[in-house]
PDB file of N, CA and C in Angstrom:
ATOM      1  N   MET A   1       1.025  36.744  -0.919  1.00  0.00           N
ATOM      2  CA  MET A   1       1.791  36.061  -1.931  1.00  0.00           C
ATOM      3  C   MET A   1       1.028  34.805  -2.366  1.00  0.00           C
ATOM      4  N   ALA A   2       0.734  34.705  -3.641  1.00  0.00           N
ATOM      5  CA  ALA A   2      -0.027  33.574  -4.165  1.00  0.00           C
ATOM      6  C   ALA A   2       0.843  32.326  -4.214  1.00  0.00           C
ATOM      7  N   ARG A   3       0.250  31.243  -3.858  1.00  0.00           N
ATOM      8  CA  ARG A   3       0.942  29.962  -3.871  1.00  0.00           C
ATOM      9  C   ARG A   3       0.722  29.295  -5.223  1.00  0.00           C
ATOM     10  N   GLU A   4       1.787  28.801  -5.828  1.00  0.00           N
ATOM     11  CA  GLU A   4       1.687  28.167  -7.131  1.00  0.00           C
ATOM     12  C   GLU A   4       1.079  26.780  -6.985  1.00  0.00           C
ATOM     13  N   LEU A   5       0.072  26.504  -7.785  1.00  0.00           N
ATOM     14  CA  LEU A   5      -0.590  25.207  -7.747  1.00  0.00           C
ATOM     15  C   LEU A   5       0.136  24.221  -8.651  1.00  0.00           C
ATOM     16  N   LYS A   6       0.291  23.010  -8.170  1.00  0.00           N
ATOM     17  CA  LYS A   6       0.927  21.969  -8.970  1.00  0.00           C
ATOM     18  C   LYS A   6      -0.118  21.263  -9.814  1.00  0.00           C
ATOM     19  N   GLU A   7       0.322  20.736 -10.920  1.00  0.00           N
ATOM     20  CA  GLU A   7      -0.537  19.906 -11.763  1.00  0.00           C
ATOM     21  C   GLU A   7      -0.394  18.455 -11.331  1.00  0.00           C
ATOM     22  N   LEU A   8      -1.468  17.711 -11.451  1.00  0.00           N
ATOM     23  CA  LEU A   8      -1.427  16.286 -11.149  1.00  0.00           C
ATOM     24  C   LEU A   8      -0.658  15.563 -12.246  1.00  0.00           C
ATOM     25  N   ASP A   9       0.363  14.819 -11.869  1.00  0.00           N
ATOM     26  CA  ASP A   9       1.145  14.035 -12.820  1.00  0.00           C
ATOM     27  C   ASP A   9       0.622  12.604 -12.769  1.00  0.00           C
ATOM     28  N   LYS A  10      -0.256  12.273 -13.728  1.00  0.00           N
ATOM     29  CA  LYS A  10      -0.898  10.958 -13.726  1.00  0.00           C
ATOM     30  C   LYS A  10       0.106   9.830 -13.941  1.00  0.00           C
ATOM     31  N   LYS A  11       1.189  10.089 -14.668  1.00  0.00           N
ATOM     32  CA  LYS A  11       2.199   9.034 -14.892  1.00  0.00           C
ATOM     33  C   LYS A  11       2.919   8.706 -13.589  1.00  0.00           C
ATOM     34  N   GLU A  12       3.301   9.731 -12.836  1.00  0.00           N
ATOM     35  CA  GLU A  12       3.966   9.492 -11.551  1.00  0.00           C
ATOM     36  C   GLU A  12       3.003   8.828 -10.567  1.00  0.00           C
ATOM     37  N   MET A  13       1.763   9.280 -10.562  1.00  0.00           N
ATOM     38  CA  MET A  13       0.748   8.681  -9.696  1.00  0.00           C
ATOM     39  C   MET A  13       0.571   7.210 -10.057  1.00  0.00           C
ATOM     40  N   GLY A  14       0.466   6.935 -11.333  1.00  0.00           N
ATOM     41  CA  GLY A  14       0.319   5.558 -11.793  1.00  0.00           C
ATOM     42  C   GLY A  14       1.506   4.694 -11.407  1.00  0.00           C
ATOM     43  N   ALA A  15       2.707   5.263 -11.494  1.00  0.00           N
ATOM     44  CA  ALA A  15       3.915   4.520 -11.125  1.00  0.00           C
ATOM     45  C   ALA A  15       3.902   4.172  -9.641  1.00  0.00           C
ATOM     46  N   ARG A  16       3.416   5.103  -8.799  1.00  0.00           N
ATOM     47  CA  ARG A  16       3.319   4.824  -7.358  1.00  0.00           C
ATOM     48  C   ARG A  16       2.296   3.722  -7.096  1.00  0.00           C
ATOM     49  N   ILE A  17       1.180   3.767  -7.821  1.00  0.00           N
ATOM     50  CA  ILE A  17       0.138   2.748  -7.659  1.00  0.00           C
ATOM     51  C   ILE A  17       0.707   1.382  -8.044  1.00  0.00           C
ATOM     52  N   ARG A  18       1.370   1.339  -9.182  1.00  0.00           N
ATOM     53  CA  ARG A  18       1.935   0.065  -9.639  1.00  0.00           C
ATOM     54  C   ARG A  18       2.972  -0.468  -8.656  1.00  0.00           C
ATOM     55  N   ALA A  19       3.875   0.392  -8.200  1.00  0.00           N
ATOM     56  CA  ALA A  19       4.915  -0.030  -7.263  1.00  0.00           C
ATOM     57  C   ALA A  19       4.303  -0.579  -5.980  1.00  0.00           C
ATOM     58  N   ARG A  20       3.285   0.106  -5.470  1.00  0.00           N
ATOM     59  CA  ARG A  20       2.642  -0.351  -4.231  1.00  0.00           C
ATOM     60  C   ARG A  20       1.904  -1.664  -4.457  1.00  0.00           C
ATOM     61  N   ARG A  21       1.201  -1.776  -5.590  1.00  0.00           N
ATOM     62  CA  ARG A  21       0.488  -3.019  -5.915  1.00  0.00           C
ATOM     63  C   ARG A  21       1.473  -4.178  -5.994  1.00  0.00           C
ATOM     64  N   GLU A  22       2.583  -3.956  -6.672  1.00  0.00           N
ATOM     65  CA  GLU A  22       3.587  -5.006  -6.811  1.00  0.00           C
ATOM     66  C   GLU A  22       4.237  -5.357  -5.481  1.00  0.00           C
ATOM     67  N   SER A  23       4.442  -4.362  -4.614  1.00  0.00           N
ATOM     68  CA  SER A  23       5.031  -4.645  -3.301  1.00  0.00           C
ATOM     69  C   SER A  23       4.107  -5.515  -2.453  1.00  0.00           C
ATOM     70  N   LEU A  24       2.812  -5.426  -2.733  1.00  0.00           N
ATOM     71  CA  LEU A  24       1.829  -6.269  -2.035  1.00  0.00           C
ATOM     72  C   LEU A  24       1.634  -7.609  -2.737  1.00  0.00           C
ATOM     73  N   LYS A  25       2.416  -7.821  -3.825  1.00  0.00           N
ATOM     74  CA  LYS A  25       2.316  -9.049  -4.622  1.00  0.00           C
ATOM     75  C   LYS A  25       0.891  -9.276  -5.116  1.00  0.00           C
ATOM     76  N   MET A  26       0.284  -8.191  -5.571  1.00  0.00           N
ATOM     77  CA  MET A  26      -1.093  -8.210  -6.065  1.00  0.00           C
ATOM     78  C   MET A  26      -1.064  -8.038  -7.581  1.00  0.00           C
ATOM     79  N   SER A  27      -1.805  -8.857  -8.280  1.00  0.00           N
ATOM     80  CA  SER A  27      -1.884  -8.723  -9.737  1.00  0.00           C
ATOM     81  C   SER A  27      -2.829  -7.583 -10.103  1.00  0.00           C
ATOM     82  N   ARG A  28      -2.733  -7.148 -11.346  1.00  0.00           N
ATOM     83  CA  ARG A  28      -3.671  -6.129 -11.829  1.00  0.00           C
ATOM     84  C   ARG A  28      -5.095  -6.653 -11.745  1.00  0.00           C
ATOM     85  N   GLU A  29      -5.251  -7.933 -12.061  1.00  0.00           N
ATOM     86  CA  GLU A  29      -6.584  -8.539 -12.036  1.00  0.00           C
ATOM     87  C   GLU A  29      -7.174  -8.516 -10.625  1.00  0.00           C
ATOM     88  N   GLU A  30      -6.338  -8.812  -9.629  1.00  0.00           N
ATOM     89  CA  GLU A  30      -6.815  -8.791  -8.237  1.00  0.00           C
ATOM     90  C   GLU A  30      -7.228  -7.386  -7.820  1.00  0.00           C
ATOM     91  N   LEU A  31      -6.389  -6.411  -8.169  1.00  0.00           N
ATOM     92  CA  LEU A  31      -6.716  -5.023  -7.822  1.00  0.00           C
ATOM     93  C   LEU A  31      -7.977  -4.580  -8.552  1.00  0.00           C
ATOM     94  N   ALA A  32      -8.076  -4.943  -9.824  1.00  0.00           N
ATOM     95  CA  ALA A  32      -9.257  -4.571 -10.609  1.00  0.00           C
ATOM     96  C   ALA A  32     -10.522  -5.120  -9.976  1.00  0.00           C
ATOM     97  N   LYS A  33     -10.462  -6.360  -9.536  1.00  0.00           N
ATOM     98  CA  LYS A  33     -11.639  -6.989  -8.914  1.00  0.00           C
ATOM     99  C   LYS A  33     -12.053  -6.239  -7.653  1.00  0.00           C
ATOM    100  N   LYS A  34     -11.071  -5.827  -6.851  1.00  0.00           N
ATOM    101  CA  LYS A  34     -11.378  -5.105  -5.610  1.00  0.00           C
ATOM    102  C   LYS A  34     -11.992  -3.735  -5.875  1.00  0.00           C
ATOM    103  N   LEU A  35     -11.650  -3.146  -7.045  1.00  0.00           N
ATOM    104  CA  LEU A  35     -12.183  -1.828  -7.388  1.00  0.00           C
ATOM    105  C   LEU A  35     -13.391  -1.909  -8.315  1.00  0.00           C
ATOM    106  N   SER A  36     -13.767  -3.130  -8.698  1.00  0.00           N
ATOM    107  CA  SER A  36     -14.887  -3.347  -9.630  1.00  0.00           C
ATOM    108  C   SER A  36     -14.654  -2.663 -10.975  1.00  0.00           C
ATOM    109  N   VAL A  37     -13.417  -2.796 -11.479  1.00  0.00           N
ATOM    110  CA  VAL A  37     -13.061  -2.294 -12.802  1.00  0.00           C
ATOM    111  C   VAL A  37     -12.328  -3.413 -13.541  1.00  0.00           C
ATOM    112  N   THR A  38     -11.935  -3.154 -14.776  1.00  0.00           N
ATOM    113  CA  THR A  38     -11.203  -4.163 -15.538  1.00  0.00           C
ATOM    114  C   THR A  38      -9.694  -4.032 -15.303  1.00  0.00           C
ATOM    115  N   ALA A  39      -8.967  -5.103 -15.603  1.00  0.00           N
ATOM    116  CA  ALA A  39      -7.508  -5.066 -15.506  1.00  0.00           C
ATOM    117  C   ALA A  39      -6.941  -4.042 -16.485  1.00  0.00           C
ATOM    118  N   LYS A  40      -7.587  -3.862 -17.622  1.00  0.00           N
ATOM    119  CA  LYS A  40      -7.164  -2.860 -18.607  1.00  0.00           C
ATOM    120  C   LYS A  40      -7.271  -1.455 -18.010  1.00  0.00           C
ATOM    121  N   THR A  41      -8.326  -1.204 -17.241  1.00  0.00           N
ATOM    122  CA  THR A  41      -8.478   0.093 -16.582  1.00  0.00           C
ATOM    123  C   THR A  41      -7.317   0.327 -15.618  1.00  0.00           C
ATOM    124  N   ILE A  42      -6.951  -0.703 -14.849  1.00  0.00           N
ATOM    125  CA  ILE A  42      -5.818  -0.579 -13.917  1.00  0.00           C
ATOM    126  C   ILE A  42      -4.544  -0.299 -14.698  1.00  0.00           C
ATOM    127  N   SER A  43      -4.344  -0.997 -15.797  1.00  0.00           N
ATOM    128  CA  SER A  43      -3.182  -0.770 -16.643  1.00  0.00           C
ATOM    129  C   SER A  43      -3.142   0.679 -17.132  1.00  0.00           C
ATOM    130  N   ASN A  44      -4.267   1.174 -17.603  1.00  0.00           N
ATOM    131  CA  ASN A  44      -4.345   2.560 -18.087  1.00  0.00           C
ATOM    132  C   ASN A  44      -4.024   3.559 -16.977  1.00  0.00           C
ATOM    133  N   ILE A  45      -4.491   3.289 -15.774  1.00  0.00           N
ATOM    134  CA  ILE A  45      -4.214   4.170 -14.629  1.00  0.00           C
ATOM    135  C   ILE A  45      -2.723   4.117 -14.298  1.00  0.00           C
ATOM    136  N   GLU A  46      -2.153   2.915 -14.256  1.00  0.00           N
ATOM    137  CA  GLU A  46      -0.748   2.767 -13.890  1.00  0.00           C
ATOM    138  C   GLU A  46       0.195   3.417 -14.908  1.00  0.00           C
ATOM    139  N   TYR A  47      -0.206   3.456 -16.159  1.00  0.00           N
ATOM    140  CA  TYR A  47       0.614   4.095 -17.190  1.00  0.00           C
ATOM    141  C   TYR A  47       0.263   5.575 -17.375  1.00  0.00           C
ATOM    142  N   GLY A  48      -0.634   6.094 -16.546  1.00  0.00           N
ATOM    143  CA  GLY A  48      -0.972   7.506 -16.585  1.00  0.00           C
ATOM    144  C   GLY A  48      -1.827   7.916 -17.762  1.00  0.00           C
ATOM    145  N   GLU A  49      -2.459   6.938 -18.380  1.00  0.00           N
ATOM    146  CA  GLU A  49      -3.289   7.214 -19.547  1.00  0.00           C
ATOM    147  C   GLU A  49      -4.733   7.532 -19.184  1.00  0.00           C
ATOM    148  N   LYS A  50      -5.099   7.262 -17.943  1.00  0.00           N
ATOM    149  CA  LYS A  50      -6.487   7.430 -17.525  1.00  0.00           C
ATOM    150  C   LYS A  50      -6.523   7.833 -16.054  1.00  0.00           C
ATOM    151  N   GLY A  51      -7.528   8.608 -15.695  1.00  0.00           N
ATOM    152  CA  GLY A  51      -7.731   8.965 -14.306  1.00  0.00           C
ATOM    153  C   GLY A  51      -8.713   7.993 -13.658  1.00  0.00           C
ATOM    154  N   MET A  52      -9.239   8.384 -12.509  1.00  0.00           N
ATOM    155  CA  MET A  52     -10.205   7.524 -11.829  1.00  0.00           C
ATOM    156  C   MET A  52     -11.196   8.384 -11.059  1.00  0.00           C
ATOM    157  N   THR A  53     -12.286   7.768 -10.694  1.00  0.00           N
ATOM    158  CA  THR A  53     -13.298   8.472  -9.921  1.00  0.00           C
ATOM    159  C   THR A  53     -12.822   8.661  -8.478  1.00  0.00           C
ATOM    160  N   LEU A  54     -13.428   9.594  -7.781  1.00  0.00           N
ATOM    161  CA  LEU A  54     -13.116   9.777  -6.365  1.00  0.00           C
ATOM    162  C   LEU A  54     -13.429   8.515  -5.573  1.00  0.00           C
ATOM    163  N   LYS A  55     -14.510   7.860  -5.947  1.00  0.00           N
ATOM    164  CA  LYS A  55     -14.898   6.622  -5.274  1.00  0.00           C
ATOM    165  C   LYS A  55     -13.782   5.582  -5.393  1.00  0.00           C
ATOM    166  N   ASN A  56     -13.229   5.424  -6.603  1.00  0.00           N
ATOM    167  CA  ASN A  56     -12.162   4.443  -6.788  1.00  0.00           C
ATOM    168  C   ASN A  56     -10.852   4.897  -6.164  1.00  0.00           C
ATOM    169  N   LEU A  57     -10.586   6.201  -6.133  1.00  0.00           N
ATOM    170  CA  LEU A  57      -9.403   6.709  -5.463  1.00  0.00           C
ATOM    171  C   LEU A  57      -9.474   6.371  -3.970  1.00  0.00           C
ATOM    172  N   TYR A  58     -10.658   6.550  -3.386  1.00  0.00           N
ATOM    173  CA  TYR A  58     -10.842   6.241  -1.969  1.00  0.00           C
ATOM    174  C   TYR A  58     -10.689   4.739  -1.712  1.00  0.00           C
ATOM    175  N   ARG A  59     -11.264   3.931  -2.583  1.00  0.00           N
ATOM    176  CA  ARG A  59     -11.110   2.477  -2.453  1.00  0.00           C
ATOM    177  C   ARG A  59      -9.651   2.065  -2.607  1.00  0.00           C
ATOM    178  N   LEU A  60      -8.968   2.682  -3.576  1.00  0.00           N
ATOM    179  CA  LEU A  60      -7.574   2.356  -3.854  1.00  0.00           C
ATOM    180  C   LEU A  60      -6.696   2.627  -2.647  1.00  0.00           C
ATOM    181  N   LYS A  61      -6.925   3.742  -1.990  1.00  0.00           N
ATOM    182  CA  LYS A  61      -6.153   4.077  -0.785  1.00  0.00           C
ATOM    183  C   LYS A  61      -6.326   3.012   0.288  1.00  0.00           C
ATOM    184  N   GLN A  62      -7.541   2.497   0.404  1.00  0.00           N
ATOM    185  CA  GLN A  62      -7.802   1.466   1.404  1.00  0.00           C
ATOM    186  C   GLN A  62      -7.154   0.136   1.017  1.00  0.00           C
ATOM    187  N   VAL A  63      -7.300  -0.244  -0.235  1.00  0.00           N
ATOM    188  CA  VAL A  63      -6.767  -1.527  -0.701  1.00  0.00           C
ATOM    189  C   VAL A  63      -5.242  -1.536  -0.627  1.00  0.00           C
ATOM    190  N   LEU A  64      -4.607  -0.441  -1.038  1.00  0.00           N
ATOM    191  CA  LEU A  64      -3.150  -0.387  -1.056  1.00  0.00           C
ATOM    192  C   LEU A  64      -2.546   0.008   0.288  1.00  0.00           C
ATOM    193  N   GLY A  65      -3.381   0.486   1.212  1.00  0.00           N
ATOM    194  CA  GLY A  65      -2.891   0.840   2.550  1.00  0.00           C
ATOM    195  C   GLY A  65      -1.984   2.055   2.561  1.00  0.00           C
ATOM    196  N   VAL A  66      -2.289   3.031   1.715  1.00  0.00           N
ATOM    197  CA  VAL A  66      -1.508   4.271   1.666  1.00  0.00           C
ATOM    198  C   VAL A  66      -2.460   5.456   1.730  1.00  0.00           C
ATOM    199  N   SER A  67      -1.904   6.642   1.919  1.00  0.00           N
ATOM    200  CA  SER A  67      -2.742   7.832   1.974  1.00  0.00           C
ATOM    201  C   SER A  67      -3.031   8.350   0.566  1.00  0.00           C
ATOM    202  N   ILE A  68      -4.096   9.118   0.442  1.00  0.00           N
ATOM    203  CA  ILE A  68      -4.404   9.753  -0.835  1.00  0.00           C
ATOM    204  C   ILE A  68      -3.296  10.741  -1.190  1.00  0.00           C
ATOM    205  N   ASP A  69      -2.722  11.417  -0.193  1.00  0.00           N
ATOM    206  CA  ASP A  69      -1.602  12.322  -0.442  1.00  0.00           C
ATOM    207  C   ASP A  69      -0.444  11.576  -1.100  1.00  0.00           C
ATOM    208  N   PHE A  70      -0.186  10.374  -0.624  1.00  0.00           N
ATOM    209  CA  PHE A  70       0.892   9.585  -1.225  1.00  0.00           C
ATOM    210  C   PHE A  70       0.556   9.230  -2.672  1.00  0.00           C
ATOM    211  N   LEU A  71      -0.661   8.780  -2.912  1.00  0.00           N
ATOM    212  CA  LEU A  71      -1.043   8.409  -4.272  1.00  0.00           C
ATOM    213  C   LEU A  71      -0.927   9.591  -5.226  1.00  0.00           C
ATOM    214  N   MET A  72      -1.396  10.749  -4.812  1.00  0.00           N
ATOM    215  CA  MET A  72      -1.450  11.889  -5.718  1.00  0.00           C
ATOM    216  C   MET A  72      -0.134  12.659  -5.810  1.00  0.00           C
ATOM    217  N   ASP A  73       0.572  12.797  -4.690  1.00  0.00           N
ATOM    218  CA  ASP A  73       1.774  13.641  -4.646  1.00  0.00           C
ATOM    219  C   ASP A  73       3.059  12.880  -4.343  1.00  0.00           C
ATOM    220  N   GLY A  74       2.924  11.663  -3.837  1.00  0.00           N
ATOM    221  CA  GLY A  74       4.104  10.964  -3.352  1.00  0.00           C
ATOM    222  C   GLY A  74       4.445  11.387  -1.938  1.00  0.00           C
ATOM    223  N   ASP A  75       3.587  12.219  -1.337  1.00  0.00           N
ATOM    224  CA  ASP A  75       3.809  12.756  -0.006  1.00  0.00           C
ATOM    225  C   ASP A  75       3.119  11.866   1.016  1.00  0.00           C
ATOM    226  N   ASP A  76       3.919  11.184   1.818  1.00  0.00           N
ATOM    227  CA  ASP A  76       3.350  10.288   2.822  1.00  0.00           C
ATOM    228  C   ASP A  76       3.467  10.872   4.222  1.00  0.00           C
ATOM    229  N   ALA A  77       3.780  12.160   4.318  1.00  0.00           N
ATOM    230  CA  ALA A  77       3.968  12.791   5.624  1.00  0.00           C
ATOM    231  C   ALA A  77       2.694  12.775   6.452  1.00  0.00           C
ATOM    232  N   TYR A  78       1.532  12.752   5.790  1.00  0.00           N
ATOM    233  CA  TYR A  78       0.273  12.810   6.517  1.00  0.00           C
ATOM    234  C   TYR A  78      -0.423  11.460   6.598  1.00  0.00           C
ATOM    235  N   ALA A  79       0.296  10.400   6.271  1.00  0.00           N
ATOM    236  CA  ALA A  79      -0.312   9.070   6.313  1.00  0.00           C
ATOM    237  C   ALA A  79      -0.754   8.763   7.736  1.00  0.00           C
ATOM    238  N   ASP A  80      -1.883   8.155   7.840  1.00  0.00           N
ATOM    239  CA  ASP A  80      -2.425   7.775   9.137  1.00  0.00           C
ATOM    240  C   ASP A  80      -1.568   6.668   9.751  1.00  0.00           C
ATOM    241  N   MET A  81      -1.184   6.848  11.005  1.00  0.00           N
ATOM    242  CA  MET A  81      -0.322   5.869  11.672  1.00  0.00           C
ATOM    243  C   MET A  81      -0.975   4.493  11.735  1.00  0.00           C
ATOM    244  N   GLU A  82      -2.265   4.450  11.925  1.00  0.00           N
ATOM    245  CA  GLU A  82      -2.944   3.151  11.988  1.00  0.00           C
ATOM    246  C   GLU A  82      -2.905   2.458  10.637  1.00  0.00           C
ATOM    247  N   ASP A  83      -3.029   3.225   9.548  1.00  0.00           N
ATOM    248  CA  ASP A  83      -2.902   2.646   8.210  1.00  0.00           C
ATOM    249  C   ASP A  83      -1.503   2.090   8.004  1.00  0.00           C
ATOM    250  N   GLN A  84      -0.496   2.836   8.461  1.00  0.00           N
ATOM    251  CA  GLN A  84       0.882   2.363   8.328  1.00  0.00           C
ATOM    252  C   GLN A  84       1.092   1.094   9.137  1.00  0.00           C
ATOM    253  N   ARG A  85       0.542   1.077  10.338  1.00  0.00           N
ATOM    254  CA  ARG A  85       0.670  -0.104  11.205  1.00  0.00           C
ATOM    255  C   ARG A  85       0.026  -1.319  10.545  1.00  0.00           C
ATOM    256  N   LYS A  86      -1.166  -1.120   9.985  1.00  0.00           N
ATOM    257  CA  LYS A  86      -1.868  -2.201   9.315  1.00  0.00           C
ATOM    258  C   LYS A  86      -1.081  -2.695   8.106  1.00  0.00           C
ATOM    259  N   MET A  87      -0.554  -1.760   7.318  1.00  0.00           N
ATOM    260  CA  MET A  87       0.199  -2.113   6.131  1.00  0.00           C
ATOM    261  C   MET A  87       1.454  -2.911   6.502  1.00  0.00           C
ATOM    262  N   LEU A  88       2.186  -2.462   7.511  1.00  0.00           N
ATOM    263  CA  LEU A  88       3.386  -3.168   7.941  1.00  0.00           C
ATOM    264  C   LEU A  88       3.054  -4.562   8.467  1.00  0.00           C
ATOM    265  N   SER A  89       1.977  -4.670   9.237  1.00  0.00           N
ATOM    266  CA  SER A  89       1.555  -5.975   9.742  1.00  0.00           C
ATOM    267  C   SER A  89       1.218  -6.921   8.600  1.00  0.00           C
ATOM    268  N   GLU A  90       0.494  -6.411   7.608  1.00  0.00           N
ATOM    269  CA  GLU A  90       0.132  -7.236   6.456  1.00  0.00           C
ATOM    270  C   GLU A  90       1.369  -7.645   5.664  1.00  0.00           C
ATOM    271  N   ASN A  91       2.341  -6.738   5.540  1.00  0.00           N
ATOM    272  CA  ASN A  91       3.579  -7.074   4.828  1.00  0.00           C
ATOM    273  C   ASN A  91       4.355  -8.168   5.549  1.00  0.00           C
ATOM    274  N   ILE A  92       4.410  -8.073   6.872  1.00  0.00           N
ATOM    275  CA  ILE A  92       5.103  -9.098   7.655  1.00  0.00           C
ATOM    276  C   ILE A  92       4.407 -10.446   7.489  1.00  0.00           C
ATOM    277  N   LEU A  93       3.083 -10.453   7.638  1.00  0.00           N
ATOM    278  CA  LEU A  93       2.342 -11.710   7.492  1.00  0.00           C
ATOM    279  C   LEU A  93       2.467 -12.283   6.088  1.00  0.00           C
ATOM    280  N   SER A  94       2.458 -11.419   5.102  1.00  0.00           N
ATOM    281  CA  SER A  94       2.613 -11.864   3.717  1.00  0.00           C
ATOM    282  C   SER A  94       3.971 -12.537   3.522  1.00  0.00           C
ATOM    283  N   SER A  95       5.008 -11.955   4.091  1.00  0.00           N
ATOM    284  CA  SER A  95       6.352 -12.525   3.983  1.00  0.00           C
ATOM    285  C   SER A  95       6.430 -13.901   4.641  1.00  0.00           C
ATOM    286  N   LEU A  96       5.689 -14.069   5.706  1.00  0.00           N
ATOM    287  CA  LEU A  96       5.739 -15.323   6.451  1.00  0.00           C
ATOM    288  C   LEU A  96       4.854 -16.419   5.845  1.00  0.00           C
ATOM    289  N   SER A  97       4.031 -16.068   4.880  1.00  0.00           N
ATOM    290  CA  SER A  97       3.083 -17.038   4.326  1.00  0.00           C
ATOM    291  C   SER A  97       3.757 -18.215   3.635  1.00  0.00           C
ATOM    292  N   VAL A  98       5.012 -18.087   3.278  1.00  0.00           N
ATOM    293  CA  VAL A  98       5.717 -19.178   2.603  1.00  0.00           C
ATOM    294  C   VAL A  98       6.447 -20.097   3.584  1.00  0.00           C
ATOM    295  N   CYS A  99       6.416 -19.777   4.868  1.00  0.00           N
ATOM    296  CA  CYS A  99       7.148 -20.546   5.881  1.00  0.00           C
ATOM    297  C   CYS A  99       6.390 -21.801   6.304  1.00  0.00           C
ATOM    298  N   SER A 100       7.169 -22.796   6.692  1.00  0.00           N
ATOM    299  CA  SER A 100       6.589 -24.023   7.246  1.00  0.00           C
ATOM    300  C   SER A 100       6.152 -23.752   8.684  1.00  0.00           C
ATOM    301  N   VAL A 101       5.448 -24.703   9.272  1.00  0.00           N
ATOM    302  CA  VAL A 101       5.002 -24.568  10.660  1.00  0.00           C
ATOM    303  C   VAL A 101       6.213 -24.434  11.582  1.00  0.00           C
ATOM    304  N   LYS A 102       7.231 -25.231  11.328  1.00  0.00           N
ATOM    305  CA  LYS A 102       8.443 -25.181  12.152  1.00  0.00           C
ATOM    306  C   LYS A 102       9.106 -23.804  12.035  1.00  0.00           C
ATOM    307  N   GLN A 103       9.207 -23.282  10.822  1.00  0.00           N
ATOM    308  CA  GLN A 103       9.805 -21.964  10.613  1.00  0.00           C
ATOM    309  C   GLN A 103       8.978 -20.870  11.286  1.00  0.00           C
ATOM    310  N   LEU A 104       7.656 -20.997  11.214  1.00  0.00           N
ATOM    311  CA  LEU A 104       6.794 -20.013  11.873  1.00  0.00           C
ATOM    312  C   LEU A 104       6.984 -20.037  13.386  1.00  0.00           C
ATOM    313  N   GLY A 105       7.177 -21.235  13.945  1.00  0.00           N
ATOM    314  CA  GLY A 105       7.447 -21.349  15.381  1.00  0.00           C
ATOM    315  C   GLY A 105       8.708 -20.603  15.768  1.00  0.00           C
ATOM    316  N   CYS A 106       9.744 -20.738  14.952  1.00  0.00           N
ATOM    317  CA  CYS A 106      10.999 -20.008  15.200  1.00  0.00           C
ATOM    318  C   CYS A 106      10.776 -18.504  15.101  1.00  0.00           C
ATOM    319  N   MET A 107      10.014 -18.080  14.095  1.00  0.00           N
ATOM    320  CA  MET A 107       9.739 -16.660  13.928  1.00  0.00           C
ATOM    321  C   MET A 107       8.940 -16.107  15.108  1.00  0.00           C
ATOM    322  N   GLU A 108       8.021 -16.900  15.616  1.00  0.00           N
ATOM    323  CA  GLU A 108       7.245 -16.464  16.778  1.00  0.00           C
ATOM    324  C   GLU A 108       8.167 -16.225  17.968  1.00  0.00           C
ATOM    325  N   GLN A 109       9.092 -17.147  18.195  1.00  0.00           N
ATOM    326  CA  GLN A 109      10.034 -16.988  19.305  1.00  0.00           C
ATOM    327  C   GLN A 109      10.916 -15.753  19.111  1.00  0.00           C
ATOM    328  N   MET A 110      11.403 -15.545  17.882  1.00  0.00           N
ATOM    329  CA  MET A 110      12.240 -14.367  17.608  1.00  0.00           C
ATOM    330  C   MET A 110      11.451 -13.084  17.807  1.00  0.00           C
ATOM    331  N   ALA A 111      10.211 -13.078  17.353  1.00  0.00           N
ATOM    332  CA  ALA A 111       9.377 -11.882  17.504  1.00  0.00           C
ATOM    333  C   ALA A 111       9.139 -11.586  18.980  1.00  0.00           C
ATOM    334  N   ARG A 112       8.858 -12.617  19.747  1.00  0.00           N
ATOM    335  CA  ARG A 112       8.623 -12.433  21.181  1.00  0.00           C
ATOM    336  C   ARG A 112       9.858 -11.863  21.869  1.00  0.00           C
ATOM    337  N   ILE A 113      11.030 -12.411  21.553  1.00  0.00           N
ATOM    338  CA  ILE A 113      12.284 -11.920  22.146  1.00  0.00           C
ATOM    339  C   ILE A 113      12.526 -10.468  21.737  1.00  0.00           C
ATOM    340  N   TYR A 114      12.306 -10.168  20.478  1.00  0.00           N
ATOM    341  CA  TYR A 114      12.506  -8.807  19.987  1.00  0.00           C
ATOM    342  C   TYR A 114      11.578  -7.826  20.694  1.00  0.00           C
ATOM    343  N   VAL A 115      10.301  -8.152  20.748  1.00  0.00           N
ATOM    344  CA  VAL A 115       9.330  -7.256  21.384  1.00  0.00           C
ATOM    345  C   VAL A 115       9.661  -7.034  22.850  1.00  0.00           C
ATOM    346  N   GLU A 116      10.031  -8.094  23.536  1.00  0.00           N
ATOM    347  CA  GLU A 116      10.383  -7.949  24.957  1.00  0.00           C
ATOM    348  C   GLU A 116      11.597  -7.055  25.146  1.00  0.00           C
ATOM    349  N   SER A 117      12.496  -7.032  24.165  1.00  0.00           N
ATOM    350  CA  SER A 117      13.701  -6.218  24.310  1.00  0.00           C
ATOM    351  C   SER A 117      13.486  -4.742  23.964  1.00  0.00           C
ATOM    352  N   VAL A 118      12.469  -4.426  23.173  1.00  0.00           N
ATOM    353  CA  VAL A 118      12.280  -3.035  22.761  1.00  0.00           C
ATOM    354  C   VAL A 118      11.100  -2.335  23.418  1.00  0.00           C
ATOM    355  N   VAL A 119      10.177  -3.078  23.990  1.00  0.00           N
ATOM    356  CA  VAL A 119       9.006  -2.473  24.602  1.00  0.00           C
ATOM    357  C   VAL A 119       9.260  -2.246  26.087  1.00  0.00           C
ATOM    358  N   ASP A 120       9.002  -0.990  26.514  1.00  0.00           N
ATOM    359  CA  ASP A 120       9.162  -0.666  27.936  1.00  0.00           C
ATOM    360  C   ASP A 120       8.164  -1.451  28.765  1.00  0.00           C
ATOM    361  N   ARG A 121       8.624  -1.878  29.932  1.00  0.00           N
ATOM    362  CA  ARG A 121       7.750  -2.652  30.821  1.00  0.00           C
ATOM    363  C   ARG A 121       7.434  -1.855  32.086  1.00  0.00           C
ATOM    364  N   ASP A 122       7.112  -0.606  31.919  1.00  0.00           N
ATOM    365  CA  ASP A 122       6.817   0.262  33.087  1.00  0.00           C
ATOM    366  C   ASP A 122       5.503  -0.080  33.709  1.00  0.00           C
TER     367      ASP A 122
END
């Protein structure tokens, strides 16, 4: 039985790229610089008007901290656990970047208490 092949939906792919970029609080200009392209190119990709090279797709996966499967299909089932761990760590640190030293001290104590309560000490 032949399996039906799906077509790449560049608009949906672009929407996922934009959503992930925005969740990282990254501007188009910042992403463009990391990929060595123009902000207009990023805009065209995000609106599904343009594709990208394999080289830039690979770079994009690294910069955004997601799998290529997620970028192309929205399927994150095969995302690498270490990539997910890195992405979550970066998101937590990004959220804390606006805190004062005193607030960070409180967060450190809360994190320590939380980790001690959920991690087995065998």
